[in-house]
Amino acid sequence: MENIPIKIVAIPTEIASNVRVTGKSPRYGHPVFREVAAGYGPCRHCLKAFVKGVEERVLFTYDQFQGIGKIPLPGPIFVHAADCERYKEDGGYPEGLRQYASVIDAYGPDQQLLAQVQVDDGEQPAALQRLFQHPEVRYAHVRDKNAGCYDFRVERDLI
């Protein structure tokens, strides 16, 4: 099996920063909710798990298809309340997130869902490689299997 170069796409820094400053969700204007982390998250900007009971996080409405699809699909996501560094797109699958069960949705043109894979054993990188072997897969969304929330997007790295 050929190794397909991929990139990990966390939410843009501009969105995370704007949410922290304005206290409103992008595109929708809903007020954000701040709390001390009650779960692992992760932060959708740095893609690190939250330290439960210690770190403050911001919950807001985010459209995972904004800029890549016509039909919005807003849902709740978290970022650190304090500034954090955006996950590097060439960083590979975040090691700290492999321990959490995931659902990976593979999409083709026009947001067409082509496949859905559940991963419980930390083998998300291998599952992504298998999905991207199909040329019609344009990108994938990784979601938390237990909460169902969007975590990040994975794309082919067209270097």
N, C-alpha and C. Protein backbone atom coordinates (compact mmCIF):
# COMPACT_ATOMS: atom_id res chain seq x y z
N MET A 1 0.85 -1.18 0.00
CA MET A 1 0.00 0.00 0.00
C MET A 1 0.89 1.24 0.00
N GLU A 2 0.64 2.12 -0.94
CA GLU A 2 1.38 3.37 -1.06
C GLU A 2 1.03 4.30 0.10
N ASN A 3 2.05 4.95 0.68
CA ASN A 3 1.81 5.91 1.76
C ASN A 3 1.40 7.25 1.16
N ILE A 4 0.17 7.66 1.42
CA ILE A 4 -0.37 8.92 0.90
C ILE A 4 0.01 10.05 1.86
N PRO A 5 0.71 11.08 1.39
CA PRO A 5 1.02 12.21 2.28
C PRO A 5 -0.28 12.94 2.66
N ILE A 6 -0.44 13.19 3.95
CA ILE A 6 -1.64 13.88 4.44
C ILE A 6 -1.23 15.09 5.27
N LYS A 7 -2.20 15.98 5.46
CA LYS A 7 -1.99 17.09 6.39
C LYS A 7 -3.18 17.14 7.34
N ILE A 8 -2.89 17.54 8.56
CA ILE A 8 -3.88 17.64 9.62
C ILE A 8 -4.28 19.11 9.72
N VAL A 9 -5.59 19.38 9.59
CA VAL A 9 -6.06 20.76 9.53
C VAL A 9 -6.89 21.07 10.77
N ALA A 10 -6.26 21.75 11.72
CA ALA A 10 -6.95 22.25 12.90
C ALA A 10 -7.70 23.53 12.52
N ILE A 11 -8.57 24.01 13.40
CA ILE A 11 -9.27 25.24 13.05
C ILE A 11 -8.25 26.38 12.95
N PRO A 12 -8.54 27.36 12.09
CA PRO A 12 -7.60 28.48 11.91
C PRO A 12 -7.38 29.30 13.18
N THR A 13 -6.17 29.81 13.33
CA THR A 13 -5.84 30.66 14.48
C THR A 13 -6.75 31.87 14.54
N GLU A 14 -7.09 32.45 13.39
CA GLU A 14 -7.95 33.64 13.37
C GLU A 14 -9.31 33.35 14.03
N ILE A 15 -9.84 32.16 13.79
CA ILE A 15 -11.14 31.81 14.38
C ILE A 15 -10.99 31.63 15.89
N ALA A 16 -9.99 30.86 16.33
CA ALA A 16 -9.80 30.65 17.77
C ALA A 16 -9.57 31.97 18.49
N SER A 17 -8.74 32.83 17.93
CA SER A 17 -8.45 34.13 18.55
C SER A 17 -9.69 35.00 18.61
N ASN A 18 -10.44 35.05 17.52
CA ASN A 18 -11.64 35.88 17.46
C ASN A 18 -12.69 35.42 18.48
N VAL A 19 -12.85 34.14 18.62
CA VAL A 19 -13.81 33.59 19.59
C VAL A 19 -13.40 33.99 21.01
N ARG A 20 -12.12 33.90 21.31
CA ARG A 20 -11.64 34.27 22.64
C ARG A 20 -11.87 35.75 22.94
N VAL A 21 -11.65 36.60 21.93
CA VAL A 21 -11.77 38.05 22.13
C VAL A 21 -13.22 38.51 22.14
N THR A 22 -14.02 38.06 21.18
CA THR A 22 -15.39 38.57 21.05
C THR A 22 -16.40 37.85 21.93
N GLY A 23 -16.10 36.61 22.30
CA GLY A 23 -17.07 35.83 23.07
C GLY A 23 -18.25 35.37 22.23
N LYS A 24 -18.05 35.34 20.90
CA LYS A 24 -19.13 34.93 19.99
C LYS A 24 -18.62 33.90 18.99
N SER A 25 -19.52 33.01 18.58
CA SER A 25 -19.19 32.00 17.58
C SER A 25 -19.04 32.63 16.21
N PRO A 26 -18.07 32.16 15.41
CA PRO A 26 -17.96 32.67 14.05
C PRO A 26 -19.19 32.30 13.24
N ARG A 27 -19.54 33.16 12.32
CA ARG A 27 -20.63 32.95 11.38
C ARG A 27 -22.02 33.04 12.02
N TYR A 28 -22.18 32.53 13.24
CA TYR A 28 -23.50 32.47 13.85
C TYR A 28 -23.72 33.54 14.92
N GLY A 29 -22.67 34.01 15.56
CA GLY A 29 -22.79 35.04 16.57
C GLY A 29 -23.33 34.56 17.91
N HIS A 30 -23.46 33.25 18.08
CA HIS A 30 -23.93 32.73 19.37
C HIS A 30 -22.91 33.05 20.45
N PRO A 31 -23.37 33.33 21.67
CA PRO A 31 -22.40 33.55 22.75
C PRO A 31 -21.66 32.25 23.08
N VAL A 32 -20.39 32.40 23.44
CA VAL A 32 -19.59 31.24 23.82
C VAL A 32 -19.86 30.91 25.28
N PHE A 33 -19.41 29.72 25.68
CA PHE A 33 -19.54 29.29 27.07
C PHE A 33 -18.14 28.92 27.55
N ARG A 34 -17.74 29.47 28.70
CA ARG A 34 -16.42 29.18 29.28
C ARG A 34 -16.60 28.30 30.50
N GLU A 35 -15.68 27.33 30.64
CA GLU A 35 -15.73 26.45 31.81
C GLU A 35 -14.36 25.83 32.02
N VAL A 36 -14.15 25.34 33.24
CA VAL A 36 -12.97 24.53 33.50
C VAL A 36 -13.24 23.17 32.87
N ALA A 37 -12.26 22.63 32.20
CA ALA A 37 -12.44 21.40 31.44
C ALA A 37 -12.96 20.26 32.31
N ALA A 38 -14.08 19.68 31.85
CA ALA A 38 -14.67 18.53 32.53
C ALA A 38 -14.37 17.24 31.76
N GLY A 39 -13.81 17.39 30.57
CA GLY A 39 -13.46 16.26 29.73
C GLY A 39 -12.15 16.53 29.02
N TYR A 40 -11.69 15.56 28.26
CA TYR A 40 -10.38 15.68 27.60
C TYR A 40 -10.39 16.55 26.36
N GLY A 41 -11.55 16.78 25.77
CA GLY A 41 -11.62 17.67 24.61
C GLY A 41 -11.52 16.94 23.29
N PRO A 42 -10.60 17.26 22.46
CA PRO A 42 -9.41 18.10 22.59
C PRO A 42 -9.68 19.54 22.18
N CYS A 43 -8.68 20.39 22.39
CA CYS A 43 -8.72 21.74 21.83
C CYS A 43 -8.63 21.58 20.32
N ARG A 44 -9.54 22.21 19.59
CA ARG A 44 -9.57 22.07 18.13
C ARG A 44 -8.56 22.96 17.42
N HIS A 45 -7.76 23.68 18.19
CA HIS A 45 -6.72 24.54 17.61
C HIS A 45 -5.34 23.90 17.76
N CYS A 46 -4.98 23.50 18.98
CA CYS A 46 -3.65 22.88 19.18
C CYS A 46 -3.72 21.36 19.14
N LEU A 47 -4.95 20.81 19.17
CA LEU A 47 -5.21 19.37 19.12
C LEU A 47 -4.57 18.61 20.27
N LYS A 48 -4.51 19.26 21.44
CA LYS A 48 -4.06 18.61 22.66
C LYS A 48 -5.27 18.39 23.56
N ALA A 49 -5.24 17.28 24.28
CA ALA A 49 -6.31 17.01 25.24
C ALA A 49 -6.24 18.03 26.37
N PHE A 50 -7.41 18.39 26.90
CA PHE A 50 -7.47 19.31 28.03
C PHE A 50 -7.07 18.59 29.31
N VAL A 51 -6.49 19.33 30.23
CA VAL A 51 -6.23 18.81 31.57
C VAL A 51 -7.51 19.05 32.37
N LYS A 52 -8.24 17.96 32.62
CA LYS A 52 -9.52 18.06 33.32
C LYS A 52 -9.35 18.69 34.70
N GLY A 53 -10.28 19.60 35.00
CA GLY A 53 -10.28 20.26 36.30
C GLY A 53 -9.24 21.34 36.46
N VAL A 54 -8.44 21.59 35.42
CA VAL A 54 -7.36 22.57 35.51
C VAL A 54 -7.50 23.65 34.43
N GLU A 55 -7.50 23.24 33.17
CA GLU A 55 -7.50 24.20 32.07
C GLU A 55 -8.91 24.73 31.80
N GLU A 56 -8.96 26.02 31.46
CA GLU A 56 -10.23 26.61 31.07
C GLU A 56 -10.40 26.46 29.56
N ARG A 57 -11.62 26.18 29.14
CA ARG A 57 -11.90 26.02 27.71
C ARG A 57 -13.12 26.84 27.33
N VAL A 58 -13.23 27.08 26.03
CA VAL A 58 -14.32 27.87 25.46
C VAL A 58 -15.10 26.97 24.52
N LEU A 59 -16.40 26.87 24.74
CA LEU A 59 -17.29 26.09 23.89
C LEU A 59 -18.00 27.05 22.95
N PHE A 60 -18.03 26.70 21.65
CA PHE A 60 -18.74 27.54 20.68
C PHE A 60 -19.22 26.72 19.50
N THR A 61 -20.08 27.33 18.70
CA THR A 61 -20.65 26.69 17.52
C THR A 61 -19.71 26.91 16.34
N TYR A 62 -19.39 25.82 15.63
CA TYR A 62 -18.45 25.89 14.51
C TYR A 62 -18.99 25.03 13.37
N ASP A 63 -18.88 25.56 12.15
CA ASP A 63 -19.29 24.81 10.96
C ASP A 63 -18.07 24.12 10.35
N GLN A 64 -18.02 22.80 10.49
CA GLN A 64 -16.88 22.03 10.00
C GLN A 64 -16.72 22.05 8.48
N PHE A 65 -17.77 22.49 7.77
CA PHE A 65 -17.70 22.54 6.31
C PHE A 65 -17.49 23.96 5.77
N GLN A 66 -17.35 24.94 6.65
CA GLN A 66 -17.17 26.31 6.19
C GLN A 66 -15.94 26.41 5.29
N GLY A 67 -16.13 26.92 4.10
CA GLY A 67 -15.03 27.10 3.16
C GLY A 67 -14.76 25.88 2.27
N ILE A 68 -15.36 24.73 2.59
CA ILE A 68 -15.12 23.54 1.76
C ILE A 68 -16.41 22.89 1.27
N GLY A 69 -17.54 23.30 1.81
CA GLY A 69 -18.81 22.70 1.41
C GLY A 69 -19.92 23.72 1.38
N LYS A 70 -20.98 23.40 0.67
CA LYS A 70 -22.10 24.33 0.51
C LYS A 70 -23.11 24.24 1.64
N ILE A 71 -23.27 23.05 2.22
CA ILE A 71 -24.28 22.84 3.24
C ILE A 71 -23.62 22.94 4.61
N PRO A 72 -24.05 23.90 5.45
CA PRO A 72 -23.44 24.02 6.77
C PRO A 72 -23.81 22.85 7.66
N LEU A 73 -22.90 22.52 8.56
CA LEU A 73 -23.17 21.49 9.55
C LEU A 73 -22.54 21.97 10.87
N PRO A 74 -23.21 22.94 11.52
CA PRO A 74 -22.64 23.49 12.75
C PRO A 74 -22.76 22.51 13.91
N GLY A 75 -21.81 22.62 14.81
CA GLY A 75 -21.83 21.81 16.01
C GLY A 75 -20.90 22.40 17.05
N PRO A 76 -20.95 21.86 18.26
CA PRO A 76 -20.14 22.39 19.35
C PRO A 76 -18.69 21.91 19.29
N ILE A 77 -17.76 22.83 19.55
CA ILE A 77 -16.35 22.46 19.69
C ILE A 77 -15.74 23.30 20.81
N PHE A 78 -14.57 22.88 21.28
CA PHE A 78 -13.84 23.58 22.34
C PHE A 78 -12.47 24.04 21.84
N VAL A 79 -12.01 25.16 22.40
CA VAL A 79 -10.61 25.57 22.28
C VAL A 79 -10.15 25.99 23.68
N HIS A 80 -8.85 26.02 23.88
CA HIS A 80 -8.32 26.55 25.13
C HIS A 80 -8.76 28.01 25.28
N ALA A 81 -9.06 28.42 26.50
CA ALA A 81 -9.41 29.82 26.76
C ALA A 81 -8.18 30.71 26.60
N ALA A 82 -7.01 30.17 26.92
CA ALA A 82 -5.75 30.89 26.73
C ALA A 82 -5.19 30.59 25.35
N ASP A 83 -4.40 31.49 24.84
CA ASP A 83 -3.77 31.28 23.54
C ASP A 83 -2.97 29.97 23.54
N CYS A 84 -3.01 29.30 22.41
CA CYS A 84 -2.22 28.08 22.22
C CYS A 84 -1.75 28.06 20.77
N GLU A 85 -0.72 27.29 20.50
CA GLU A 85 -0.16 27.22 19.15
C GLU A 85 -0.97 26.24 18.30
N ARG A 86 -1.30 26.65 17.08
CA ARG A 86 -2.04 25.79 16.16
C ARG A 86 -1.21 24.56 15.81
N TYR A 87 -1.88 23.42 15.75
CA TYR A 87 -1.22 22.17 15.39
C TYR A 87 -0.64 22.29 13.98
N LYS A 88 0.58 21.84 13.82
CA LYS A 88 1.24 21.93 12.51
C LYS A 88 0.63 20.93 11.54
N GLU A 89 0.30 21.41 10.37
CA GLU A 89 -0.36 20.56 9.38
C GLU A 89 0.49 19.36 8.97
N ASP A 90 1.80 19.48 9.07
CA ASP A 90 2.67 18.37 8.70
C ASP A 90 3.07 17.51 9.90
N GLY A 91 2.34 17.66 11.01
CA GLY A 91 2.68 16.96 12.25
C GLY A 91 2.21 15.53 12.34
N GLY A 92 1.51 15.04 11.31
CA GLY A 92 0.96 13.69 11.37
C GLY A 92 -0.19 13.61 12.35
N TYR A 93 -0.77 12.44 12.46
CA TYR A 93 -1.91 12.27 13.37
C TYR A 93 -1.44 12.57 14.80
N PRO A 94 -2.15 13.41 15.54
CA PRO A 94 -1.71 13.78 16.89
C PRO A 94 -1.58 12.55 17.80
N GLU A 95 -0.36 12.28 18.25
CA GLU A 95 -0.10 11.10 19.09
C GLU A 95 -0.98 11.08 20.33
N GLY A 96 -1.17 12.24 20.95
CA GLY A 96 -1.96 12.31 22.17
C GLY A 96 -3.42 12.00 21.99
N LEU A 97 -3.90 11.95 20.75
CA LEU A 97 -5.31 11.68 20.50
C LEU A 97 -5.56 10.24 20.04
N ARG A 98 -4.51 9.49 19.79
CA ARG A 98 -4.69 8.12 19.31
C ARG A 98 -5.41 7.24 20.32
N GLN A 99 -5.29 7.56 21.59
CA GLN A 99 -5.90 6.73 22.64
C GLN A 99 -7.42 6.87 22.70
N TYR A 100 -7.96 7.89 22.04
CA TYR A 100 -9.40 8.14 22.10
C TYR A 100 -10.09 7.55 20.87
N ALA A 101 -11.15 6.80 21.11
CA ALA A 101 -11.90 6.19 20.01
C ALA A 101 -12.41 7.27 19.07
N SER A 102 -12.31 7.00 17.77
CA SER A 102 -12.66 7.98 16.75
C SER A 102 -13.59 7.41 15.71
N VAL A 103 -14.30 8.31 15.06
CA VAL A 103 -15.05 8.00 13.85
C VAL A 103 -14.42 8.86 12.76
N ILE A 104 -14.06 8.25 11.66
CA ILE A 104 -13.46 8.98 10.55
C ILE A 104 -14.43 8.93 9.38
N ASP A 105 -14.88 10.11 8.96
CA ASP A 105 -15.79 10.24 7.82
C ASP A 105 -14.99 10.70 6.61
N ALA A 106 -15.04 9.93 5.53
CA ALA A 106 -14.32 10.28 4.30
C ALA A 106 -15.30 10.87 3.30
N TYR A 107 -14.93 12.03 2.73
CA TYR A 107 -15.81 12.76 1.83
C TYR A 107 -15.23 12.89 0.43
N GLY A 108 -16.12 12.88 -0.54
CA GLY A 108 -15.78 13.14 -1.92
C GLY A 108 -16.29 14.51 -2.31
N PRO A 109 -16.50 14.74 -3.60
CA PRO A 109 -17.00 16.04 -4.07
C PRO A 109 -18.38 16.34 -3.47
N ASP A 110 -18.64 17.63 -3.29
CA ASP A 110 -19.95 18.11 -2.82
C ASP A 110 -20.38 17.49 -1.49
N GLN A 111 -19.44 17.31 -0.59
CA GLN A 111 -19.72 16.80 0.76
C GLN A 111 -20.31 15.39 0.75
N GLN A 112 -20.10 14.65 -0.30
CA GLN A 112 -20.64 13.30 -0.38
C GLN A 112 -19.87 12.39 0.57
N LEU A 113 -20.59 11.81 1.54
CA LEU A 113 -19.97 10.88 2.47
C LEU A 113 -19.73 9.56 1.74
N LEU A 114 -18.45 9.17 1.63
CA LEU A 114 -18.08 7.97 0.90
C LEU A 114 -17.85 6.77 1.82
N ALA A 115 -17.37 7.04 3.02
CA ALA A 115 -17.08 5.94 3.94
C ALA A 115 -17.04 6.48 5.36
N GLN A 116 -17.31 5.59 6.31
CA GLN A 116 -17.19 5.93 7.72
C GLN A 116 -16.53 4.74 8.42
N VAL A 117 -15.47 5.05 9.17
CA VAL A 117 -14.71 4.01 9.85
C VAL A 117 -14.64 4.36 11.34
N GLN A 118 -14.85 3.36 12.19
CA GLN A 118 -14.70 3.53 13.62
C GLN A 118 -13.38 2.91 14.05
N VAL A 119 -12.61 3.67 14.85
CA VAL A 119 -11.30 3.20 15.28
C VAL A 119 -11.23 3.27 16.81
N ASP A 120 -11.03 2.12 17.43
CA ASP A 120 -10.95 2.04 18.88
C ASP A 120 -9.57 1.68 19.40
N ASP A 121 -8.67 1.29 18.51
CA ASP A 121 -7.41 0.69 18.92
C ASP A 121 -6.17 1.56 18.67
N GLY A 122 -6.35 2.86 18.42
CA GLY A 122 -5.21 3.73 18.18
C GLY A 122 -4.64 3.67 16.79
N GLU A 123 -5.31 2.98 15.88
CA GLU A 123 -4.80 2.82 14.52
C GLU A 123 -5.42 3.83 13.54
N GLN A 124 -5.70 5.04 14.02
CA GLN A 124 -6.28 6.05 13.15
C GLN A 124 -5.40 6.36 11.94
N PRO A 125 -4.06 6.48 12.08
CA PRO A 125 -3.25 6.76 10.89
C PRO A 125 -3.40 5.69 9.80
N ALA A 126 -3.43 4.43 10.19
CA ALA A 126 -3.58 3.35 9.21
C ALA A 126 -4.96 3.40 8.57
N ALA A 127 -5.99 3.71 9.35
CA ALA A 127 -7.34 3.82 8.80
C ALA A 127 -7.41 4.97 7.79
N LEU A 128 -6.77 6.08 8.10
CA LEU A 128 -6.75 7.20 7.16
C LEU A 128 -6.02 6.82 5.88
N GLN A 129 -4.92 6.11 6.00
CA GLN A 129 -4.19 5.68 4.80
C GLN A 129 -5.07 4.80 3.92
N ARG A 130 -5.80 3.89 4.53
CA ARG A 130 -6.70 3.03 3.73
C ARG A 130 -7.78 3.86 3.04
N LEU A 131 -8.34 4.83 3.73
CA LEU A 131 -9.38 5.67 3.12
C LEU A 131 -8.83 6.49 1.96
N PHE A 132 -7.64 7.06 2.15
CA PHE A 132 -7.07 7.92 1.10
C PHE A 132 -6.50 7.12 -0.08
N GLN A 133 -6.48 5.79 0.01
CA GLN A 133 -6.10 4.98 -1.15
C GLN A 133 -7.15 5.11 -2.26
N HIS A 134 -8.36 5.47 -1.88
CA HIS A 134 -9.43 5.67 -2.86
C HIS A 134 -9.32 7.09 -3.42
N PRO A 135 -9.07 7.24 -4.71
CA PRO A 135 -8.81 8.57 -5.29
C PRO A 135 -9.99 9.54 -5.16
N GLU A 136 -11.21 9.04 -5.00
CA GLU A 136 -12.35 9.94 -4.90
C GLU A 136 -12.46 10.61 -3.54
N VAL A 137 -11.71 10.12 -2.53
CA VAL A 137 -11.73 10.75 -1.20
C VAL A 137 -10.93 12.04 -1.27
N ARG A 138 -11.62 13.15 -0.99
CA ARG A 138 -10.98 14.48 -1.04
C ARG A 138 -10.42 14.88 0.32
N TYR A 139 -11.17 14.56 1.41
CA TYR A 139 -10.77 14.91 2.76
C TYR A 139 -11.54 14.02 3.72
N ALA A 140 -11.14 14.06 4.98
CA ALA A 140 -11.81 13.28 6.01
C ALA A 140 -11.98 14.15 7.25
N HIS A 141 -13.02 13.87 8.00
CA HIS A 141 -13.24 14.51 9.29
C HIS A 141 -13.06 13.46 10.37
N VAL A 142 -12.30 13.81 11.38
CA VAL A 142 -12.13 12.95 12.54
C VAL A 142 -13.04 13.48 13.63
N ARG A 143 -13.84 12.57 14.19
CA ARG A 143 -14.79 12.91 15.23
C ARG A 143 -14.54 12.03 16.44
N ASP A 144 -14.92 12.53 17.60
CA ASP A 144 -14.85 11.72 18.81
C ASP A 144 -15.97 10.69 18.77
N LYS A 145 -15.64 9.43 18.95
CA LYS A 145 -16.64 8.37 18.84
C LYS A 145 -17.68 8.44 19.96
N ASN A 146 -17.28 8.85 21.15
CA ASN A 146 -18.21 8.87 22.28
C ASN A 146 -19.09 10.11 22.29
N ALA A 147 -18.52 11.28 22.08
CA ALA A 147 -19.29 12.52 22.12
C ALA A 147 -19.86 12.88 20.74
N GLY A 148 -19.23 12.39 19.67
CA GLY A 148 -19.70 12.69 18.32
C GLY A 148 -19.21 14.01 17.76
N CYS A 149 -18.46 14.76 18.54
CA CYS A 149 -18.02 16.10 18.12
C CYS A 149 -16.90 16.04 17.07
N TYR A 150 -16.90 17.04 16.22
CA TYR A 150 -15.85 17.23 15.21
C TYR A 150 -14.55 17.58 15.92
N ASP A 151 -13.45 16.92 15.52
CA ASP A 151 -12.13 17.22 16.08
C ASP A 151 -11.24 17.98 15.09
N PHE A 152 -11.08 17.45 13.88
CA PHE A 152 -10.25 18.11 12.88
C PHE A 152 -10.45 17.47 11.52
N ARG A 153 -9.90 18.13 10.48
CA ARG A 153 -9.98 17.65 9.11
C ARG A 153 -8.62 17.10 8.69
N VAL A 154 -8.66 16.12 7.81
CA VAL A 154 -7.44 15.56 7.23
C VAL A 154 -7.57 15.68 5.72
N GLU A 155 -6.52 16.16 5.07
CA GLU A 155 -6.52 16.34 3.62
C GLU A 155 -5.29 15.67 3.02
N ARG A 156 -5.37 15.40 1.74
CA ARG A 156 -4.19 14.96 1.01
C ARG A 156 -3.22 16.13 1.00
N ASP A 157 -1.95 15.86 1.20
CA ASP A 157 -0.94 16.90 1.11
C ASP A 157 -0.42 16.90 -0.30
N LEU A 158 -0.86 17.86 -1.06
CA LEU A 158 -0.54 17.91 -2.50
C LEU A 158 0.79 18.59 -2.78
N ILE A 159 1.57 18.78 -1.77
CA ILE A 159 2.92 19.36 -1.82
C ILE A 159 3.16 20.17 -3.03
